[in-house]
PDB file of N, CA and C in Angstrom:
ATOM      1  N   UNK A   1      -3.806  21.172 -16.129  1.00  0.00           N
ATOM      2  CA  UNK A   1      -2.905  20.587 -15.144  1.00  0.00           C
ATOM      3  C   UNK A   1      -2.501  19.187 -15.619  1.00  0.00           C
ATOM      4  N   UNK A   2      -1.253  18.877 -15.463  1.00  0.00           N
ATOM      5  CA  UNK A   2      -0.730  17.582 -15.895  1.00  0.00           C
ATOM      6  C   UNK A   2      -1.236  16.458 -14.985  1.00  0.00           C
ATOM      7  N   UNK A   3      -1.408  15.291 -15.575  1.00  0.00           N
ATOM      8  CA  UNK A   3      -1.813  14.110 -14.821  1.00  0.00           C
ATOM      9  C   UNK A   3      -0.711  13.070 -14.883  1.00  0.00           C
ATOM     10  N   UNK A   4      -0.673  12.226 -13.852  1.00  0.00           N
ATOM     11  CA  UNK A   4       0.298  11.144 -13.767  1.00  0.00           C
ATOM     12  C   UNK A   4      -0.440   9.813 -13.745  1.00  0.00           C
ATOM     13  N   UNK A   5       0.176   8.796 -14.298  1.00  0.00           N
ATOM     14  CA  UNK A   5      -0.351   7.444 -14.197  1.00  0.00           C
ATOM     15  C   UNK A   5       0.362   6.732 -13.055  1.00  0.00           C
ATOM     16  N   UNK A   6      -0.401   6.305 -12.046  1.00  0.00           N
ATOM     17  CA  UNK A   6       0.163   5.595 -10.896  1.00  0.00           C
ATOM     18  C   UNK A   6      -0.719   4.394 -10.582  1.00  0.00           C
ATOM     19  N   UNK A   7      -0.228   3.536  -9.699  1.00  0.00           N
ATOM     20  CA  UNK A   7      -1.007   2.390  -9.233  1.00  0.00           C
ATOM     21  C   UNK A   7      -1.005   2.370  -7.711  1.00  0.00           C
ATOM     22  N   UNK A   8      -2.070   1.809  -7.152  1.00  0.00           N
ATOM     23  CA  UNK A   8      -2.144   1.538  -5.718  1.00  0.00           C
ATOM     24  C   UNK A   8      -2.348   0.030  -5.601  1.00  0.00           C
ATOM     25  N   UNK A   9      -1.493  -0.622  -4.814  1.00  0.00           N
ATOM     26  CA  UNK A   9      -1.534  -2.084  -4.699  1.00  0.00           C
ATOM     27  C   UNK A   9      -1.752  -2.504  -3.248  1.00  0.00           C
ATOM     28  N   UNK A  10      -2.516  -3.581  -3.079  1.00  0.00           N
ATOM     29  CA  UNK A  10      -2.750  -4.177  -1.756  1.00  0.00           C
ATOM     30  C   UNK A  10      -2.823  -5.681  -1.915  1.00  0.00           C
ATOM     31  N   UNK A  11      -2.247  -6.405  -0.967  1.00  0.00           N
ATOM     32  CA  UNK A  11      -2.378  -7.862  -0.917  1.00  0.00           C
ATOM     33  C   UNK A  11      -2.507  -8.266   0.541  1.00  0.00           C
ATOM     34  N   UNK A  12      -3.524  -9.018   0.857  1.00  0.00           N
ATOM     35  CA  UNK A  12      -3.738  -9.457   2.231  1.00  0.00           C
ATOM     36  C   UNK A  12      -4.820 -10.507   2.271  1.00  0.00           C
ATOM     37  N   UNK A  13      -5.219 -10.909   3.465  1.00  0.00           N
ATOM     38  CA  UNK A  13      -6.231 -11.961   3.596  1.00  0.00           C
ATOM     39  C   UNK A  13      -7.581 -11.568   3.004  1.00  0.00           C
ATOM     40  N   UNK A  14      -7.834 -10.259   2.889  1.00  0.00           N
ATOM     41  CA  UNK A  14      -9.104  -9.795   2.314  1.00  0.00           C
ATOM     42  C   UNK A  14      -9.134  -9.971   0.804  1.00  0.00           C
ATOM     43  N   UNK A  15      -7.959 -10.088   0.196  1.00  0.00           N
ATOM     44  CA  UNK A  15      -7.856 -10.206  -1.254  1.00  0.00           C
ATOM     45  C   UNK A  15      -6.713  -9.353  -1.775  1.00  0.00           C
ATOM     46  N   UNK A  16      -6.578  -9.334  -3.081  1.00  0.00           N
ATOM     47  CA  UNK A  16      -5.526  -8.557  -3.719  1.00  0.00           C
ATOM     48  C   UNK A  16      -6.133  -7.583  -4.708  1.00  0.00           C
ATOM     49  N   UNK A  17      -5.457  -6.452  -4.892  1.00  0.00           N
ATOM     50  CA  UNK A  17      -5.918  -5.478  -5.877  1.00  0.00           C
ATOM     51  C   UNK A  17      -4.756  -4.612  -6.316  1.00  0.00           C
ATOM     52  N   UNK A  18      -4.750  -4.290  -7.594  1.00  0.00           N
ATOM     53  CA  UNK A  18      -3.860  -3.276  -8.139  1.00  0.00           C
ATOM     54  C   UNK A  18      -4.771  -2.321  -8.898  1.00  0.00           C
ATOM     55  N   UNK A  19      -4.825  -1.086  -8.426  1.00  0.00           N
ATOM     56  CA  UNK A  19      -5.740  -0.091  -8.981  1.00  0.00           C
ATOM     57  C   UNK A  19      -4.933   0.939  -9.762  1.00  0.00           C
ATOM     58  N   UNK A  20      -5.183   1.038 -11.060  1.00  0.00           N
ATOM     59  CA  UNK A  20      -4.533   2.046 -11.897  1.00  0.00           C
ATOM     60  C   UNK A  20      -5.311   3.348 -11.783  1.00  0.00           C
ATOM     61  N   UNK A  21      -4.591   4.434 -11.569  1.00  0.00           N
ATOM     62  CA  UNK A  21      -5.221   5.749 -11.400  1.00  0.00           C
ATOM     63  C   UNK A  21      -4.544   6.798 -12.264  1.00  0.00           C
ATOM     64  N   UNK A  22      -5.292   7.833 -12.613  1.00  0.00           N
ATOM     65  CA  UNK A  22      -4.743   9.067 -13.173  1.00  0.00           C
ATOM     66  C   UNK A  22      -4.940  10.107 -12.082  1.00  0.00           C
ATOM     67  N   UNK A  23      -3.854  10.698 -11.637  1.00  0.00           N
ATOM     68  CA  UNK A  23      -3.908  11.677 -10.541  1.00  0.00           C
ATOM     69  C   UNK A  23      -3.251  12.971 -10.998  1.00  0.00           C
ATOM     70  N   UNK A  24      -3.642  14.091 -10.395  1.00  0.00           N
ATOM     71  CA  UNK A  24      -3.005  15.357 -10.769  1.00  0.00           C
ATOM     72  C   UNK A  24      -1.558  15.409 -10.284  1.00  0.00           C
ATOM     73  N   UNK A  25      -0.721  16.117 -11.012  1.00  0.00           N
ATOM     74  CA  UNK A  25       0.662  16.336 -10.571  1.00  0.00           C
ATOM     75  C   UNK A  25       0.618  16.949  -9.180  1.00  0.00           C
ATOM     76  N   UNK A  26       1.519  16.518  -8.311  1.00  0.00           N
ATOM     77  CA  UNK A  26       1.540  17.001  -6.937  1.00  0.00           C
ATOM     78  C   UNK A  26       0.739  16.139  -5.980  1.00  0.00           C
ATOM     79  N   UNK A  27       0.097  15.099  -6.487  1.00  0.00           N
ATOM     80  CA  UNK A  27      -0.703  14.199  -5.652  1.00  0.00           C
ATOM     81  C   UNK A  27       0.223  13.441  -4.692  1.00  0.00           C
ATOM     82  N   UNK A  28      -0.231  13.244  -3.464  1.00  0.00           N
ATOM     83  CA  UNK A  28       0.557  12.513  -2.474  1.00  0.00           C
ATOM     84  C   UNK A  28       0.179  11.031  -2.473  1.00  0.00           C
ATOM     85  N   UNK A  29       1.033  10.237  -1.847  1.00  0.00           N
ATOM     86  CA  UNK A  29       0.771   8.802  -1.734  1.00  0.00           C
ATOM     87  C   UNK A  29      -0.559   8.556  -1.035  1.00  0.00           C
ATOM     88  N   UNK A  30      -0.818   9.277   0.040  1.00  0.00           N
ATOM     89  CA  UNK A  30      -2.053   9.070   0.793  1.00  0.00           C
ATOM     90  C   UNK A  30      -3.280   9.472  -0.023  1.00  0.00           C
ATOM     91  N   UNK A  31      -3.183  10.561  -0.776  1.00  0.00           N
ATOM     92  CA  UNK A  31      -4.307  10.993  -1.610  1.00  0.00           C
ATOM     93  C   UNK A  31      -4.629   9.923  -2.660  1.00  0.00           C
ATOM     94  N   UNK A  32      -3.609   9.288  -3.208  1.00  0.00           N
ATOM     95  CA  UNK A  32      -3.832   8.212  -4.182  1.00  0.00           C
ATOM     96  C   UNK A  32      -4.522   7.026  -3.517  1.00  0.00           C
ATOM     97  N   UNK A  33      -4.102   6.676  -2.299  1.00  0.00           N
ATOM     98  CA  UNK A  33      -4.747   5.574  -1.571  1.00  0.00           C
ATOM     99  C   UNK A  33      -6.218   5.900  -1.325  1.00  0.00           C
ATOM    100  N   UNK A  34      -6.501   7.134  -0.941  1.00  0.00           N
ATOM    101  CA  UNK A  34      -7.895   7.526  -0.705  1.00  0.00           C
ATOM    102  C   UNK A  34      -8.732   7.397  -1.978  1.00  0.00           C
ATOM    103  N   UNK A  35      -8.151   7.755  -3.119  1.00  0.00           N
ATOM    104  CA  UNK A  35      -8.865   7.629  -4.396  1.00  0.00           C
ATOM    105  C   UNK A  35      -9.103   6.162  -4.754  1.00  0.00           C
ATOM    106  N   UNK A  36      -8.162   5.295  -4.394  1.00  0.00           N
ATOM    107  CA  UNK A  36      -8.255   3.874  -4.738  1.00  0.00           C
ATOM    108  C   UNK A  36      -9.115   3.077  -3.766  1.00  0.00           C
ATOM    109  N   UNK A  37      -9.384   3.606  -2.596  1.00  0.00           N
ATOM    110  CA  UNK A  37     -10.065   2.862  -1.532  1.00  0.00           C
ATOM    111  C   UNK A  37     -11.346   2.153  -1.978  1.00  0.00           C
ATOM    112  N   UNK A  38     -12.212   2.773  -2.773  1.00  0.00           N
ATOM    113  CA  UNK A  38     -13.427   2.050  -3.193  1.00  0.00           C
ATOM    114  C   UNK A  38     -13.137   0.807  -4.036  1.00  0.00           C
ATOM    115  N   UNK A  39     -11.951   0.717  -4.611  1.00  0.00           N
ATOM    116  CA  UNK A  39     -11.605  -0.407  -5.472  1.00  0.00           C
ATOM    117  C   UNK A  39     -10.753  -1.465  -4.757  1.00  0.00           C
ATOM    118  N   UNK A  40     -10.417  -1.221  -3.495  1.00  0.00           N
ATOM    119  CA  UNK A  40      -9.656  -2.192  -2.712  1.00  0.00           C
ATOM    120  C   UNK A  40     -10.624  -3.193  -2.088  1.00  0.00           C
ATOM    121  N   UNK A  41     -10.136  -4.378  -1.693  1.00  0.00           N
ATOM    122  CA  UNK A  41     -11.034  -5.377  -1.102  1.00  0.00           C
ATOM    123  C   UNK A  41     -11.778  -4.828   0.124  1.00  0.00           C
ATOM    124  N   UNK A  42     -12.999  -5.297   0.308  1.00  0.00           N
ATOM    125  CA  UNK A  42     -13.808  -4.877   1.454  1.00  0.00           C
ATOM    126  C   UNK A  42     -13.081  -5.198   2.748  1.00  0.00           C
ATOM    127  N   UNK A  43     -13.134  -4.293   3.687  1.00  0.00           N
ATOM    128  CA  UNK A  43     -12.511  -4.508   4.990  1.00  0.00           C
ATOM    129  C   UNK A  43     -11.102  -3.958   5.109  1.00  0.00           C
ATOM    130  N   UNK A  44     -10.507  -3.517   4.002  1.00  0.00           N
ATOM    131  CA  UNK A  44      -9.160  -2.949   4.061  1.00  0.00           C
ATOM    132  C   UNK A  44      -9.246  -1.556   4.678  1.00  0.00           C
ATOM    133  N   UNK A  45      -8.457  -1.334   5.733  1.00  0.00           N
ATOM    134  CA  UNK A  45      -8.400  -0.035   6.397  1.00  0.00           C
ATOM    135  C   UNK A  45      -6.950   0.441   6.355  1.00  0.00           C
ATOM    136  N   UNK A  46      -6.588   1.209   5.328  1.00  0.00           N
ATOM    137  CA  UNK A  46      -5.198   1.655   5.209  1.00  0.00           C
ATOM    138  C   UNK A  46      -4.810   2.606   6.332  1.00  0.00           C
ATOM    139  N   UNK A  47      -3.525   2.598   6.654  1.00  0.00           N
ATOM    140  CA  UNK A  47      -2.981   3.518   7.656  1.00  0.00           C
ATOM    141  C   UNK A  47      -1.920   4.376   6.974  1.00  0.00           C
ATOM    142  N   UNK A  48      -1.929   5.684   7.216  1.00  0.00           N
ATOM    143  CA  UNK A  48      -0.949   6.568   6.572  1.00  0.00           C
ATOM    144  C   UNK A  48       0.502   6.184   6.852  1.00  0.00           C
ATOM    145  N   UNK A  49       0.770   5.554   7.964  1.00  0.00           N
ATOM    146  CA  UNK A  49       2.136   5.177   8.315  1.00  0.00           C
ATOM    147  C   UNK A  49       2.584   3.850   7.734  1.00  0.00           C
ATOM    148  N   UNK A  50       1.749   3.213   6.924  1.00  0.00           N
ATOM    149  CA  UNK A  50       2.079   1.894   6.366  1.00  0.00           C
ATOM    150  C   UNK A  50       1.965   1.909   4.843  1.00  0.00           C
ATOM    151  N   UNK A  51       2.763   2.782   4.227  1.00  0.00           N
ATOM    152  CA  UNK A  51       2.769   2.901   2.777  1.00  0.00           C
ATOM    153  C   UNK A  51       4.183   2.738   2.246  1.00  0.00           C
ATOM    154  N   UNK A  52       4.290   2.275   1.022  1.00  0.00           N
ATOM    155  CA  UNK A  52       5.580   2.162   0.369  1.00  0.00           C
ATOM    156  C   UNK A  52       5.439   2.401  -1.113  1.00  0.00           C
ATOM    157  N   UNK A  53       6.563   2.628  -1.758  1.00  0.00           N
ATOM    158  CA  UNK A  53       6.614   2.732  -3.212  1.00  0.00           C
ATOM    159  C   UNK A  53       7.704   1.790  -3.675  1.00  0.00           C
ATOM    160  N   UNK A  54       7.314   0.785  -4.455  1.00  0.00           N
ATOM    161  CA  UNK A  54       8.243  -0.239  -4.926  1.00  0.00           C
ATOM    162  C   UNK A  54       9.075  -0.806  -3.768  1.00  0.00           C
ATOM    163  N   UNK A  55       8.387  -1.239  -2.710  1.00  0.00           N
ATOM    164  CA  UNK A  55       8.970  -1.930  -1.552  1.00  0.00           C
ATOM    165  C   UNK A  55       9.855  -1.055  -0.671  1.00  0.00           C
ATOM    166  N   UNK A  56       9.795   0.251  -0.815  1.00  0.00           N
ATOM    167  CA  UNK A  56      10.522   1.164   0.077  1.00  0.00           C
ATOM    168  C   UNK A  56       9.500   1.993   0.834  1.00  0.00           C
ATOM    169  N   UNK A  57       9.576   1.957   2.151  1.00  0.00           N
ATOM    170  CA  UNK A  57       8.629   2.697   2.973  1.00  0.00           C
ATOM    171  C   UNK A  57       8.725   4.190   2.673  1.00  0.00           C
ATOM    172  N   UNK A  58       7.550   4.834   2.558  1.00  0.00           N
ATOM    173  CA  UNK A  58       7.490   6.273   2.316  1.00  0.00           C
ATOM    174  C   UNK A  58       6.465   6.902   3.247  1.00  0.00           C
ATOM    175  N   UNK A  59       6.577   8.204   3.426  1.00  0.00           N
ATOM    176  CA  UNK A  59       5.599   8.925   4.241  1.00  0.00           C
ATOM    177  C   UNK A  59       4.347   9.181   3.407  1.00  0.00           C
ATOM    178  N   UNK A  60       3.235   9.388   4.084  1.00  0.00           N
ATOM    179  CA  UNK A  60       1.957   9.602   3.409  1.00  0.00           C
ATOM    180  C   UNK A  60       1.972  10.859   2.547  1.00  0.00           C
ATOM    181  N   UNK A  61       2.827  11.818   2.883  1.00  0.00           N
ATOM    182  CA  UNK A  61       2.858  13.071   2.131  1.00  0.00           C
ATOM    183  C   UNK A  61       3.871  13.059   0.982  1.00  0.00           C
ATOM    184  N   UNK A  62       4.417  11.906   0.667  1.00  0.00           N
ATOM    185  CA  UNK A  62       5.373  11.786  -0.455  1.00  0.00           C
ATOM    186  C   UNK A  62       4.660  12.119  -1.753  1.00  0.00           C
ATOM    187  N   UNK A  63       5.194  13.059  -2.517  1.00  0.00           N
ATOM    188  CA  UNK A  63       4.607  13.446  -3.798  1.00  0.00           C
ATOM    189  C   UNK A  63       4.957  12.377  -4.838  1.00  0.00           C
ATOM    190  N   UNK A  64       3.940  11.943  -5.569  1.00  0.00           N
ATOM    191  CA  UNK A  64       4.108  10.854  -6.521  1.00  0.00           C
ATOM    192  C   UNK A  64       4.725  11.316  -7.838  1.00  0.00           C
ATOM    193  N   UNK A  65       5.365  10.363  -8.501  1.00  0.00           N
ATOM    194  CA  UNK A  65       5.938  10.583  -9.829  1.00  0.00           C
ATOM    195  C   UNK A  65       5.276   9.618 -10.802  1.00  0.00           C
ATOM    196  N   UNK A  66       5.370   9.921 -12.074  1.00  0.00           N
ATOM    197  CA  UNK A  66       4.802   9.064 -13.122  1.00  0.00           C
ATOM    198  C   UNK A  66       5.282   7.620 -12.939  1.00  0.00           C
ATOM    199  N   UNK A  67       4.322   6.691 -12.949  1.00  0.00           N
ATOM    200  CA  UNK A  67       4.648   5.272 -12.878  1.00  0.00           C
ATOM    201  C   UNK A  67       4.832   4.708 -11.479  1.00  0.00           C
ATOM    202  N   UNK A  68       4.719   5.523 -10.433  1.00  0.00           N
ATOM    203  CA  UNK A  68       4.870   5.012  -9.064  1.00  0.00           C
ATOM    204  C   UNK A  68       3.778   3.993  -8.751  1.00  0.00           C
ATOM    205  N   UNK A  69       4.133   2.986  -7.946  1.00  0.00           N
ATOM    206  CA  UNK A  69       3.163   2.018  -7.425  1.00  0.00           C
ATOM    207  C   UNK A  69       3.157   2.173  -5.915  1.00  0.00           C
ATOM    208  N   UNK A  70       2.081   2.727  -5.388  1.00  0.00           N
ATOM    209  CA  UNK A  70       1.930   2.894  -3.943  1.00  0.00           C
ATOM    210  C   UNK A  70       1.446   1.571  -3.376  1.00  0.00           C
ATOM    211  N   UNK A  71       2.179   1.046  -2.399  1.00  0.00           N
ATOM    212  CA  UNK A  71       1.813  -0.221  -1.786  1.00  0.00           C
ATOM    213  C   UNK A  71       1.245   0.044  -0.392  1.00  0.00           C
ATOM    214  N   UNK A  72       0.104  -0.540  -0.135  1.00  0.00           N
ATOM    215  CA  UNK A  72      -0.560  -0.404   1.160  1.00  0.00           C
ATOM    216  C   UNK A  72      -0.174  -1.631   1.974  1.00  0.00           C
ATOM    217  N   UNK A  73       0.560  -1.402   3.056  1.00  0.00           N
ATOM    218  CA  UNK A  73       1.018  -2.506   3.901  1.00  0.00           C
ATOM    219  C   UNK A  73       0.031  -2.714   5.036  1.00  0.00           C
ATOM    220  N   UNK A  74      -0.113  -3.971   5.435  1.00  0.00           N
ATOM    221  CA  UNK A  74      -1.007  -4.280   6.553  1.00  0.00           C
ATOM    222  C   UNK A  74      -0.195  -4.470   7.824  1.00  0.00           C
ATOM    223  N   UNK A  75      -0.870  -4.409   8.943  1.00  0.00           N
ATOM    224  CA  UNK A  75      -0.219  -4.620  10.232  1.00  0.00           C
ATOM    225  C   UNK A  75       0.248  -6.059  10.347  1.00  0.00           C
ATOM    226  N   UNK A  76       1.349  -6.261  11.036  1.00  0.00           N
ATOM    227  CA  UNK A  76       1.822  -7.617  11.290  1.00  0.00           C
ATOM    228  C   UNK A  76       0.876  -8.308  12.254  1.00  0.00           C
ATOM    229  N   UNK A  77       0.553  -9.558  11.966  1.00  0.00           N
ATOM    230  CA  UNK A  77      -0.308 -10.312  12.872  1.00  0.00           C
ATOM    231  C   UNK A  77       0.519 -11.137  13.850  1.00  0.00           C
ATOM    232  N   UNK A  78       1.819 -11.293  13.549  1.00  0.00           N
ATOM    233  CA  UNK A  78       2.700 -12.089  14.391  1.00  0.00           C
ATOM    234  C   UNK A  78       4.097 -11.478  14.335  1.00  0.00           C
ATOM    235  N   UNK A  79       4.705 -11.340  15.478  1.00  0.00           N
ATOM    236  CA  UNK A  79       6.065 -10.824  15.549  1.00  0.00           C
ATOM    237  C   UNK A  79       7.001 -11.722  14.728  1.00  0.00           C
ATOM    238  N   UNK A  80       7.872 -11.140  13.884  1.00  0.00           N
ATOM    239  CA  UNK A  80       8.759 -11.963  13.052  1.00  0.00           C
ATOM    240  C   UNK A  80       9.616 -12.948  13.848  1.00  0.00           C
ATOM    241  N   UNK A  81      10.083 -12.555  15.028  1.00  0.00           N
ATOM    242  CA  UNK A  81      10.882 -13.464  15.856  1.00  0.00           C
ATOM    243  C   UNK A  81      10.053 -14.670  16.296  1.00  0.00           C
ATOM    244  N   UNK A  82       8.813 -14.418  16.663  1.00  0.00           N
ATOM    245  CA  UNK A  82       7.930 -15.505  17.079  1.00  0.00           C
ATOM    246  C   UNK A  82       7.632 -16.436  15.897  1.00  0.00           C
ATOM    247  N   UNK A  83       7.428 -15.862  14.717  1.00  0.00           N
ATOM    248  CA  UNK A  83       7.172 -16.678  13.529  1.00  0.00           C
ATOM    249  C   UNK A  83       8.355 -17.606  13.238  1.00  0.00           C
ATOM    250  N   UNK A  84       9.568 -17.090  13.341  1.00  0.00           N
ATOM    251  CA  UNK A  84      10.763 -17.927  13.115  1.00  0.00           C
ATOM    252  C   UNK A  84      10.856 -19.032  14.159  1.00  0.00           C
ATOM    253  N   UNK A  85      10.559 -18.681  15.407  1.00  0.00           N
ATOM    254  CA  UNK A  85      10.609 -19.678  16.474  1.00  0.00           C
ATOM    255  C   UNK A  85       9.614 -20.795  16.197  1.00  0.00           C
ATOM    256  N   UNK A  86       8.396 -20.423  15.788  1.00  0.00           N
ATOM    257  CA  UNK A  86       7.385 -21.441  15.505  1.00  0.00           C
ATOM    258  C   UNK A  86       7.779 -22.347  14.345  1.00  0.00           C
ATOM    259  N   UNK A  87       8.385 -21.755  13.302  1.00  0.00           N
ATOM    260  CA  UNK A  87       8.829 -22.569  12.176  1.00  0.00           C
ATOM    261  C   UNK A  87       9.940 -23.523  12.605  1.00  0.00           C
ATOM    262  N   UNK A  88      10.835 -23.063  13.492  1.00  0.00           N
ATOM    263  CA  UNK A  88      11.969 -23.869  13.916  1.00  0.00           C
ATOM    264  C   UNK A  88      11.527 -25.090  14.736  1.00  0.00           C
ATOM    265  N   UNK A  89      10.451 -24.919  15.513  1.00  0.00           N
ATOM    266  CA  UNK A  89      10.001 -26.045  16.333  1.00  0.00           C
ATOM    267  C   UNK A  89       8.894 -26.846  15.641  1.00  0.00           C
ATOM    268  N   UNK A  90       8.507 -26.399  14.418  1.00  0.00           N
ATOM    269  CA  UNK A  90       7.522 -27.158  13.650  1.00  0.00           C
ATOM    270  C   UNK A  90       6.092 -26.930  14.072  1.00  0.00           C
ATOM    271  N   UNK A  91       5.804 -25.781  14.617  1.00  0.00           N
ATOM    272  CA  UNK A  91       4.428 -25.570  15.005  1.00  0.00           C
ATOM    273  C   UNK A  91       4.102 -24.181  14.969  1.00  0.00           C
TER     274      UNK A  91
END
């Protein structure tokens, strides 16, 4: 069975990681994240609905291609509108 070279990436307050993997052809984005989980920073809890490939949101069942980088997104801690408001008033 053919294998693909892919990466799983995470960046957040827990730390950053880019995990290079060899996965079987037909592997999904979520399956790659599950394989990479032991190598991600402690405390990271990925969610199937928060994945992307090269900054484009994808579903967990997206079949990977050679060279894909699966990005694990974290939940927003602050609403973007509120963040802009706080920056505008300096606090």
